[in-house]
Amino acid sequence: MTSKNNLKAFVAKYVSLSEEEFEYFESFFEIRHFKRKDLLIREGEVEKYINYIDSGSARLFFLKGKEEIVMEFGIENEVIACFNSFFSKKPSHFSIEAMEPLVVFSLTLENLETLFAYSVKIETLGRLFTREAYLKKTDFDYHRARSTTEKRFVDFVHNNWHLIQRVPQKFLASYLGIKPETFSRMKHLIKNHKQRVDNLS
């Protein structure tokens, strides 16, 4: 699929836009390309964009001393940004780094507000996406706080096998709040999960 069709399929999960409406919507985006390890935004800068990921992957993180704490991953057909900074126009507490060569469709706050004013359907798109993202994040935070380390690991592997194959182990461990050595000790569970997946294929 082309970039335009990827974005169109993403939008269609939430609302139905006519071809004319979608072309107007798409015209407000800037297509940006990043190499692996490039930063989309650095901690302390003001976030200028919401980014729809057309291809590649990225991580959102902050520094705690010399340690990088990963808070979020983004892959194709997902959105990533430092949302607090984007909406408040205050310096971001986070950085976003490309983990693979990355292509994003980026939208400024000014353009987002223009689109909301243009169409109730696009405003609905924003509301539905925000609700979905909030529920996903709060559900993950709840289970991360309530679950044992092993259950947290197993549940993540079960629900995010695509990330296990693409994201460096140290980033996964940070995201799950697990020490790298603990993550390594539980790697046999990944093999067990892969065997179950292969048996279902």
Protein backbone atom coordinates (compact mmCIF):
# COMPACT_ATOMS: atom_id res chain seq x y z
CA MET A 1 0.00 0.00 0.00
CA THR A 2 1.13 3.55 -0.63
CA SER A 3 1.59 6.04 2.17
CA LYS A 4 -1.66 7.75 1.27
CA ASN A 5 -3.59 4.49 1.42
CA ASN A 6 -2.04 3.56 4.77
CA LEU A 7 -3.20 6.83 6.26
CA LYS A 8 -6.62 6.44 4.66
CA ALA A 9 -7.02 2.98 6.20
CA PHE A 10 -6.05 4.37 9.62
CA VAL A 11 -8.65 7.13 9.38
CA ALA A 12 -11.31 4.66 8.21
CA LYS A 13 -11.05 2.78 11.52
CA TYR A 14 -12.67 5.80 13.19
CA VAL A 15 -14.70 7.77 10.63
CA SER A 16 -15.75 7.66 6.99
CA LEU A 17 -14.41 10.54 4.90
CA SER A 18 -15.28 11.22 1.29
CA GLU A 19 -12.40 11.32 -1.19
CA GLU A 20 -12.58 15.10 -1.21
CA GLU A 21 -12.58 15.28 2.60
CA PHE A 22 -9.64 12.90 2.86
CA GLU A 23 -7.58 14.78 0.27
CA TYR A 24 -8.15 18.00 2.21
CA PHE A 25 -7.25 16.22 5.47
CA GLU A 26 -4.10 14.66 4.00
CA SER A 27 -2.91 17.95 2.50
CA PHE A 28 -2.17 19.33 5.98
CA PHE A 29 0.43 16.66 6.78
CA GLU A 30 4.18 16.98 6.28
CA ILE A 31 6.00 13.77 5.33
CA ARG A 32 9.25 13.40 7.29
CA HIS A 33 12.01 10.80 7.02
CA PHE A 34 14.39 9.73 9.79
CA LYS A 35 17.35 7.39 9.94
CA ARG A 36 17.78 4.83 12.71
CA LYS A 37 18.73 6.58 15.99
CA ASP A 38 17.62 10.00 14.71
CA LEU A 39 15.63 12.00 17.24
CA LEU A 40 12.21 13.34 16.24
CA ILE A 41 12.28 15.51 19.36
CA ARG A 42 14.76 15.92 22.20
CA GLU A 43 13.83 16.30 25.88
CA GLY A 44 13.52 20.02 26.66
CA GLU A 45 12.27 20.97 23.20
CA VAL A 46 8.65 21.87 22.46
CA GLU A 47 6.80 19.19 20.50
CA LYS A 48 5.63 20.63 17.20
CA TYR A 49 4.03 17.56 15.66
CA ILE A 50 1.70 14.63 16.09
CA ASN A 51 3.23 11.84 14.01
CA TYR A 52 1.37 9.06 12.18
CA ILE A 53 3.90 6.30 11.47
CA ASP A 54 3.76 5.12 7.88
CA SER A 55 6.77 2.79 8.15
CA GLY A 56 9.39 1.94 10.74
CA SER A 57 9.34 2.15 14.52
CA ALA A 58 10.12 4.64 17.29
CA ARG A 59 10.36 4.83 21.06
CA LEU A 60 9.43 7.57 23.53
CA PHE A 61 11.70 7.80 26.57
CA PHE A 62 13.18 10.05 29.24
CA LEU A 63 16.47 10.13 31.11
CA LYS A 64 16.67 9.20 34.78
CA GLY A 65 20.28 9.97 35.57
CA LYS A 66 22.11 8.05 32.86
CA GLU A 67 19.32 5.49 32.45
CA GLU A 68 16.83 5.71 29.60
CA ILE A 69 13.28 4.90 30.72
CA VAL A 70 11.10 3.78 27.80
CA MET A 71 7.46 4.82 28.08
CA GLU A 72 6.02 3.97 24.69
CA PHE A 73 6.69 2.29 21.34
CA GLY A 74 5.20 3.20 17.99
CA ILE A 75 5.13 1.17 14.76
CA GLU A 76 3.34 1.33 11.42
CA ASN A 77 -0.23 2.65 11.54
CA GLU A 78 0.19 4.08 15.03
CA VAL A 79 0.64 7.62 16.30
CA ILE A 80 3.49 8.88 18.45
CA ALA A 81 4.19 12.30 19.96
CA CYS A 82 5.01 14.06 23.21
CA PHE A 83 1.36 14.95 23.69
CA ASN A 84 1.68 17.05 26.85
CA SER A 85 4.23 19.29 25.18
CA PHE A 86 2.29 19.35 21.91
CA PHE A 87 -0.91 20.66 23.49
CA SER A 88 0.63 22.82 26.24
CA LYS A 89 3.46 24.23 24.07
CA LYS A 90 5.78 23.67 27.04
CA PRO A 91 9.17 21.87 26.86
CA SER A 92 8.83 18.11 26.58
CA HIS A 93 9.86 15.74 29.37
CA PHE A 94 10.54 13.09 26.73
CA SER A 95 12.57 12.33 23.62
CA ILE A 96 11.45 10.26 20.63
CA GLU A 97 14.01 8.18 18.73
CA ALA A 98 13.68 6.20 15.52
CA MET A 99 14.52 2.54 16.19
CA GLU A 100 14.40 1.75 12.46
CA PRO A 101 14.36 3.94 9.33
CA LEU A 102 11.17 5.89 9.86
CA VAL A 103 8.61 7.67 7.67
CA VAL A 104 5.96 9.75 9.44
CA PHE A 105 3.05 11.96 8.45
CA SER A 106 3.34 14.93 10.80
CA LEU A 107 0.65 17.42 11.77
CA THR A 108 1.10 20.71 13.65
CA LEU A 109 -1.28 21.87 16.36
CA GLU A 110 -2.35 24.83 14.22
CA ASN A 111 -3.22 22.51 11.33
CA LEU A 112 -4.97 20.08 13.66
CA GLU A 113 -7.21 22.85 14.99
CA THR A 114 -7.92 23.99 11.42
CA LEU A 115 -9.02 20.47 10.52
CA PHE A 116 -11.22 20.20 13.62
CA ALA A 117 -12.92 23.46 12.67
CA TYR A 118 -13.37 22.27 9.07
CA SER A 119 -15.14 19.00 9.79
CA VAL A 120 -17.13 17.47 12.63
CA LYS A 121 -16.06 14.06 11.33
CA ILE A 122 -12.38 14.93 11.70
CA GLU A 123 -13.06 16.28 15.19
CA THR A 124 -14.77 12.96 15.94
CA LEU A 125 -11.69 11.15 14.62
CA GLY A 126 -9.57 13.04 17.13
CA ARG A 127 -11.94 12.31 20.00
CA LEU A 128 -12.22 8.59 19.23
CA PHE A 129 -8.47 8.19 18.79
CA THR A 130 -7.77 10.04 22.05
CA ARG A 131 -10.25 7.87 23.94
CA GLU A 132 -8.76 4.66 22.54
CA ALA A 133 -5.20 5.76 23.35
CA TYR A 134 -6.18 6.76 26.90
CA LEU A 135 -7.91 3.45 27.61
CA LYS A 136 -4.98 1.47 26.22
CA LYS A 137 -2.46 3.40 28.30
CA THR A 138 -4.40 3.25 31.57
CA ASP A 139 -5.08 -0.46 31.09
CA PHE A 140 -1.37 -1.14 30.55
CA ASP A 141 -0.34 0.99 33.54
CA TYR A 142 -2.87 -0.81 35.76
CA HIS A 143 -1.69 -4.29 34.81
CA ARG A 144 1.97 -3.29 35.03
CA ALA A 145 1.39 -2.13 38.61
CA ARG A 146 -0.77 -5.12 39.64
CA SER A 147 0.96 -8.03 37.88
CA THR A 148 3.95 -10.07 38.90
CA THR A 149 7.08 -9.62 36.82
CA GLU A 150 6.60 -12.94 35.06
CA LYS A 151 2.91 -12.35 34.28
CA ARG A 152 3.69 -8.85 33.01
CA PHE A 153 6.33 -10.34 30.72
CA VAL A 154 4.14 -13.21 29.47
CA ASP A 155 1.14 -10.96 28.81
CA PHE A 156 3.29 -8.50 26.89
CA VAL A 157 4.81 -11.26 24.74
CA HIS A 158 1.37 -12.71 24.04
CA ASN A 159 -0.12 -9.35 23.00
CA ASN A 160 2.93 -7.81 21.31
CA TRP A 161 4.77 -10.58 19.49
CA HIS A 162 5.43 -8.17 16.62
CA LEU A 163 7.44 -5.92 18.97
CA ILE A 164 9.42 -8.81 20.46
CA GLN A 165 10.86 -9.48 17.02
CA ARG A 166 11.75 -5.86 16.25
CA VAL A 167 12.63 -4.00 19.45
CA PRO A 168 16.01 -4.38 21.23
CA GLN A 169 15.76 -6.33 24.46
CA LYS A 170 17.06 -3.47 26.62
CA PHE A 171 14.20 -1.22 25.44
CA LEU A 172 11.60 -3.92 26.09
CA ALA A 173 12.96 -4.50 29.58
CA SER A 174 12.82 -0.78 30.35
CA TYR A 175 9.26 -0.48 29.08
CA LEU A 176 8.12 -3.38 31.23
CA GLY A 177 9.95 -2.11 34.29
CA ILE A 178 12.09 -5.24 34.36
CA LYS A 179 15.83 -5.42 34.93
CA PRO A 180 17.70 -6.54 31.78
CA GLU A 181 19.11 -9.58 33.56
CA THR A 182 15.60 -10.59 34.67
CA PHE A 183 14.36 -10.18 31.11
CA SER A 184 17.20 -12.45 29.93
CA ARG A 185 16.28 -15.13 32.46
CA MET A 186 12.72 -15.19 31.15
CA LYS A 187 13.64 -15.42 27.48
CA HIS A 188 12.74 -19.12 27.45
CA LEU A 189 9.12 -17.98 27.75
CA ILE A 190 9.51 -16.21 24.40
CA LYS A 191 10.62 -19.49 22.81
CA ASN A 192 7.63 -21.26 24.32
CA HIS A 193 5.31 -18.59 22.95
CA LYS A 194 6.86 -18.83 19.48
CA GLN A 195 6.34 -22.58 19.48
CA ARG A 196 2.64 -22.08 20.31
CA VAL A 197 2.34 -19.50 17.52
CA ASP A 198 4.05 -21.83 15.04
CA ASN A 199 1.74 -24.69 16.04
CA LEU A 200 -1.27 -22.52 15.23
CA SER A 201 0.11 -21.54 11.80
